[in-house]
N, C-alpha and C. Protein backbone atom coordinates (compact mmCIF):
# COMPACT_ATOMS: atom_id res chain seq x y z
N SER A 1 20.54 7.28 2.52
CA SER A 1 19.40 6.40 2.76
C SER A 1 18.76 6.74 4.09
N GLU A 2 17.46 6.61 4.15
CA GLU A 2 16.71 6.94 5.36
C GLU A 2 16.57 5.75 6.30
N PHE A 3 17.04 4.59 5.85
CA PHE A 3 16.81 3.38 6.62
C PHE A 3 17.58 3.39 7.93
N LYS A 4 16.98 2.79 8.96
CA LYS A 4 17.70 2.61 10.22
C LYS A 4 18.73 1.50 10.04
N SER A 5 19.83 1.63 10.73
CA SER A 5 20.81 0.55 10.66
C SER A 5 20.36 -0.61 11.55
N GLY A 6 20.94 -1.75 11.37
CA GLY A 6 20.64 -2.85 12.28
C GLY A 6 20.10 -4.08 11.58
N SER A 7 19.72 -3.97 10.31
CA SER A 7 19.32 -5.17 9.60
C SER A 7 19.61 -5.00 8.12
N ALA A 8 19.76 -6.09 7.43
CA ALA A 8 20.22 -6.07 6.05
C ALA A 8 19.28 -5.29 5.13
N ASN A 9 17.99 -5.42 5.35
CA ASN A 9 17.06 -4.78 4.43
C ASN A 9 16.58 -3.42 4.92
N GLY A 10 17.10 -2.95 6.05
CA GLY A 10 16.74 -1.62 6.52
C GLY A 10 15.44 -1.57 7.30
N ILE A 11 14.78 -2.71 7.48
CA ILE A 11 13.53 -2.73 8.24
C ILE A 11 13.76 -3.49 9.53
N ASN A 12 13.57 -2.81 10.64
CA ASN A 12 13.71 -3.46 11.94
C ASN A 12 12.38 -4.08 12.33
N GLU A 13 12.37 -5.37 12.59
CA GLU A 13 11.15 -6.03 13.02
C GLU A 13 11.38 -6.61 14.41
N LEU A 14 10.38 -6.47 15.25
CA LEU A 14 10.45 -7.13 16.55
C LEU A 14 10.36 -8.63 16.32
N THR A 15 10.93 -9.41 17.20
CA THR A 15 11.01 -10.84 16.94
C THR A 15 9.73 -11.55 17.35
N ASN A 16 9.45 -12.60 16.62
CA ASN A 16 8.28 -13.42 16.86
C ASN A 16 8.32 -14.04 18.26
N GLU A 17 9.51 -14.31 18.76
CA GLU A 17 9.63 -15.01 20.05
C GLU A 17 9.10 -14.17 21.21
N SER A 18 9.21 -12.84 21.09
CA SER A 18 8.83 -12.01 22.23
C SER A 18 7.36 -11.63 22.22
N PHE A 19 6.66 -11.91 21.13
CA PHE A 19 5.25 -11.54 21.02
C PHE A 19 4.41 -12.75 20.71
N LYS A 20 3.28 -12.88 21.42
CA LYS A 20 2.32 -13.93 21.11
C LYS A 20 0.95 -13.31 21.01
N VAL A 21 0.21 -13.71 19.99
CA VAL A 21 -1.16 -13.24 19.79
C VAL A 21 -2.05 -14.47 19.79
N PHE A 22 -2.99 -14.52 20.70
CA PHE A 22 -3.85 -15.71 20.79
C PHE A 22 -5.22 -15.30 21.30
N PRO A 23 -6.30 -16.08 21.16
CA PRO A 23 -6.31 -17.31 20.37
C PRO A 23 -6.34 -16.98 18.88
N ASN A 24 -6.03 -17.93 18.05
CA ASN A 24 -6.07 -17.74 16.61
C ASN A 24 -6.56 -19.04 15.98
N PRO A 25 -7.78 -19.11 15.47
CA PRO A 25 -8.70 -17.98 15.25
C PRO A 25 -9.36 -17.47 16.53
N ALA A 26 -9.83 -16.23 16.46
CA ALA A 26 -10.49 -15.58 17.60
C ALA A 26 -11.88 -15.13 17.18
N SER A 27 -12.78 -14.99 18.16
CA SER A 27 -14.10 -14.47 17.83
C SER A 27 -14.49 -13.30 18.72
N ASP A 28 -14.11 -13.33 19.99
CA ASP A 28 -14.53 -12.31 20.94
C ASP A 28 -13.42 -11.31 21.22
N LYS A 29 -12.23 -11.82 21.58
CA LYS A 29 -11.10 -10.94 21.87
C LYS A 29 -9.80 -11.66 21.56
N LEU A 30 -8.80 -10.85 21.27
CA LEU A 30 -7.43 -11.33 21.10
C LEU A 30 -6.65 -10.93 22.33
N THR A 31 -5.68 -11.75 22.71
CA THR A 31 -4.76 -11.37 23.76
C THR A 31 -3.37 -11.24 23.15
N VAL A 32 -2.73 -10.12 23.42
CA VAL A 32 -1.37 -9.87 22.95
C VAL A 32 -0.47 -9.96 24.17
N SER A 33 0.46 -10.91 24.12
CA SER A 33 1.35 -11.16 25.25
C SER A 33 2.78 -10.83 24.85
N PHE A 34 3.46 -10.03 25.66
CA PHE A 34 4.85 -9.66 25.35
C PHE A 34 5.52 -9.07 26.57
N ASP A 35 6.85 -9.00 26.51
CA ASP A 35 7.63 -8.33 27.55
C ASP A 35 7.94 -6.92 27.09
N ALA A 36 7.44 -5.94 27.82
CA ALA A 36 7.63 -4.54 27.45
C ALA A 36 8.92 -4.01 28.08
N GLU A 37 9.50 -3.03 27.40
CA GLU A 37 10.80 -2.50 27.83
C GLU A 37 10.71 -1.01 28.11
N ASN A 38 9.86 -0.62 29.07
CA ASN A 38 9.72 0.80 29.45
C ASN A 38 9.52 1.68 28.24
N ALA A 39 8.52 1.34 27.44
CA ALA A 39 8.32 2.08 26.20
C ALA A 39 6.83 2.24 25.94
N ASP A 40 6.52 3.05 24.93
CA ASP A 40 5.15 3.21 24.48
C ASP A 40 4.89 2.22 23.35
N TYR A 41 3.72 1.62 23.36
CA TYR A 41 3.36 0.62 22.36
C TYR A 41 2.03 0.99 21.72
N THR A 42 1.89 0.67 20.44
CA THR A 42 0.60 0.75 19.77
C THR A 42 0.25 -0.64 19.28
N ILE A 43 -0.97 -1.07 19.59
CA ILE A 43 -1.46 -2.35 19.10
C ILE A 43 -2.63 -2.05 18.18
N ALA A 44 -2.49 -2.45 16.92
CA ALA A 44 -3.51 -2.17 15.93
C ALA A 44 -3.93 -3.46 15.23
N VAL A 45 -5.18 -3.48 14.79
CA VAL A 45 -5.66 -4.57 13.95
C VAL A 45 -5.95 -3.96 12.59
N LEU A 46 -5.37 -4.55 11.54
CA LEU A 46 -5.54 -4.06 10.18
C LEU A 46 -6.25 -5.11 9.35
N ASP A 47 -7.09 -4.66 8.42
CA ASP A 47 -7.63 -5.62 7.47
C ASP A 47 -6.58 -5.83 6.38
N LEU A 48 -6.85 -6.73 5.45
CA LEU A 48 -5.82 -7.09 4.48
C LEU A 48 -5.57 -6.00 3.44
N THR A 49 -6.41 -4.95 3.42
CA THR A 49 -6.12 -3.82 2.55
C THR A 49 -5.20 -2.82 3.25
N GLY A 50 -4.88 -3.09 4.53
CA GLY A 50 -4.02 -2.19 5.29
C GLY A 50 -4.78 -1.14 6.08
N ARG A 51 -6.11 -1.20 6.05
CA ARG A 51 -6.92 -0.23 6.79
C ARG A 51 -6.94 -0.61 8.27
N THR A 52 -6.68 0.36 9.14
CA THR A 52 -6.71 0.11 10.59
C THR A 52 -8.15 0.04 11.07
N VAL A 53 -8.52 -1.08 11.67
CA VAL A 53 -9.89 -1.24 12.17
C VAL A 53 -9.96 -1.13 13.69
N VAL A 54 -8.86 -1.36 14.38
CA VAL A 54 -8.77 -1.19 15.83
C VAL A 54 -7.38 -0.64 16.11
N SER A 55 -7.26 0.35 16.97
CA SER A 55 -5.94 0.84 17.35
C SER A 55 -5.97 1.34 18.79
N ASN A 56 -5.03 0.86 19.59
CA ASN A 56 -4.93 1.28 20.99
C ASN A 56 -3.49 1.64 21.30
N ASN A 57 -3.33 2.74 22.05
CA ASN A 57 -2.00 3.18 22.46
C ASN A 57 -1.81 2.91 23.95
N TYR A 58 -0.61 2.49 24.29
CA TYR A 58 -0.27 2.20 25.69
C TYR A 58 1.04 2.90 26.01
N SER A 59 1.07 3.62 27.13
CA SER A 59 2.24 4.41 27.49
C SER A 59 3.04 3.75 28.60
N ASN A 60 4.36 3.84 28.49
CA ASN A 60 5.28 3.45 29.56
C ASN A 60 5.03 2.04 30.07
N LEU A 61 4.88 1.09 29.17
CA LEU A 61 4.72 -0.29 29.60
C LEU A 61 6.07 -0.88 29.97
N ALA A 62 6.08 -1.67 31.04
CA ALA A 62 7.30 -2.34 31.46
C ALA A 62 6.95 -3.72 31.98
N GLY A 63 7.80 -4.69 31.67
CA GLY A 63 7.59 -6.04 32.18
C GLY A 63 6.59 -6.82 31.35
N SER A 64 6.18 -7.94 31.90
CA SER A 64 5.31 -8.86 31.19
C SER A 64 3.90 -8.29 31.02
N GLN A 65 3.40 -8.30 29.78
CA GLN A 65 2.09 -7.72 29.48
C GLN A 65 1.18 -8.78 28.87
N GLU A 66 -0.09 -8.70 29.21
CA GLU A 66 -1.11 -9.45 28.48
C GLU A 66 -2.23 -8.48 28.23
N ILE A 67 -2.32 -8.00 27.01
CA ILE A 67 -3.28 -6.95 26.68
C ILE A 67 -4.40 -7.55 25.84
N SER A 68 -5.62 -7.28 26.27
CA SER A 68 -6.80 -7.82 25.60
C SER A 68 -7.31 -6.81 24.57
N VAL A 69 -7.56 -7.30 23.36
CA VAL A 69 -8.06 -6.45 22.28
C VAL A 69 -9.41 -7.00 21.83
N PRO A 70 -10.52 -6.26 22.07
CA PRO A 70 -11.83 -6.78 21.67
C PRO A 70 -11.95 -6.78 20.14
N VAL A 71 -12.42 -7.90 19.61
CA VAL A 71 -12.58 -8.01 18.15
C VAL A 71 -13.97 -8.49 17.77
N SER A 72 -14.90 -8.51 18.74
CA SER A 72 -16.23 -9.04 18.46
C SER A 72 -16.97 -8.19 17.42
N GLY A 73 -16.58 -6.93 17.25
CA GLY A 73 -17.24 -6.07 16.27
C GLY A 73 -16.72 -6.24 14.86
N LEU A 74 -15.69 -7.04 14.67
CA LEU A 74 -15.09 -7.19 13.34
C LEU A 74 -15.78 -8.29 12.54
N SER A 75 -15.80 -8.11 11.23
CA SER A 75 -16.34 -9.14 10.35
C SER A 75 -15.40 -10.34 10.36
N THR A 76 -15.95 -11.51 10.03
CA THR A 76 -15.09 -12.68 9.94
C THR A 76 -14.11 -12.48 8.78
N GLY A 77 -12.94 -13.07 8.93
CA GLY A 77 -11.94 -12.97 7.87
C GLY A 77 -10.55 -12.91 8.44
N ASN A 78 -9.60 -12.57 7.57
CA ASN A 78 -8.19 -12.51 7.94
C ASN A 78 -7.80 -11.07 8.25
N TYR A 79 -7.00 -10.93 9.30
CA TYR A 79 -6.54 -9.62 9.73
C TYR A 79 -5.06 -9.71 10.10
N ILE A 80 -4.46 -8.55 10.31
CA ILE A 80 -3.08 -8.48 10.77
C ILE A 80 -3.06 -7.70 12.07
N VAL A 81 -2.48 -8.28 13.11
CA VAL A 81 -2.25 -7.55 14.35
C VAL A 81 -0.86 -6.95 14.26
N LYS A 82 -0.77 -5.64 14.43
CA LYS A 82 0.51 -4.93 14.32
C LYS A 82 0.83 -4.28 15.65
N ILE A 83 1.98 -4.64 16.21
CA ILE A 83 2.45 -4.08 17.47
C ILE A 83 3.64 -3.20 17.13
N SER A 84 3.59 -1.93 17.51
CA SER A 84 4.67 -1.00 17.15
C SER A 84 5.23 -0.35 18.40
N THR A 85 6.55 -0.15 18.39
CA THR A 85 7.20 0.60 19.45
C THR A 85 8.51 1.16 18.93
N ASN A 86 8.78 2.42 19.23
CA ASN A 86 10.06 3.03 18.87
C ASN A 86 10.47 2.79 17.43
N GLY A 87 9.52 2.89 16.52
CA GLY A 87 9.86 2.78 15.10
C GLY A 87 10.02 1.37 14.57
N VAL A 88 9.83 0.36 15.41
CA VAL A 88 9.86 -1.01 14.92
C VAL A 88 8.49 -1.63 15.10
N SER A 89 8.19 -2.66 14.30
CA SER A 89 6.87 -3.26 14.42
C SER A 89 6.95 -4.76 14.24
N PHE A 90 5.91 -5.42 14.73
CA PHE A 90 5.76 -6.86 14.61
C PHE A 90 4.36 -7.12 14.07
N ASN A 91 4.27 -7.94 13.03
CA ASN A 91 2.97 -8.25 12.45
C ASN A 91 2.65 -9.73 12.64
N GLN A 92 1.41 -10.01 12.98
CA GLN A 92 0.96 -11.40 13.14
C GLN A 92 -0.38 -11.53 12.44
N LYS A 93 -0.50 -12.48 11.53
CA LYS A 93 -1.78 -12.72 10.87
C LYS A 93 -2.71 -13.44 11.82
N VAL A 94 -3.96 -13.03 11.85
CA VAL A 94 -4.96 -13.69 12.69
C VAL A 94 -6.24 -13.88 11.87
N VAL A 95 -7.03 -14.86 12.30
CA VAL A 95 -8.32 -15.12 11.68
C VAL A 95 -9.41 -14.77 12.70
N ILE A 96 -10.37 -13.97 12.29
CA ILE A 96 -11.54 -13.69 13.12
C ILE A 96 -12.68 -14.55 12.58
N LYS A 97 -13.28 -15.34 13.48
CA LYS A 97 -14.33 -16.25 13.00
C LYS A 97 -15.68 -15.87 13.57
């Protein structure tokens, strides 16, 4: 099996407690707040078909982060904010109004 060890279903997810995405709903920008662990992070916004509409890469983040993601160019609707690092990811549904 190709799955990483560490969880029953083979998918490692970052925990909801360490990541906050606000405001929700948002119209101008989203803020992604988390504690980084000396790693590279990708913050992406996906539409519900899974298409990436915004993607930003951040290198060597450490400590408490508050990263602003502009979303004023997006159509209103439901989106998923995906934060990835070291092969694990965290997804948060957001509404753009």
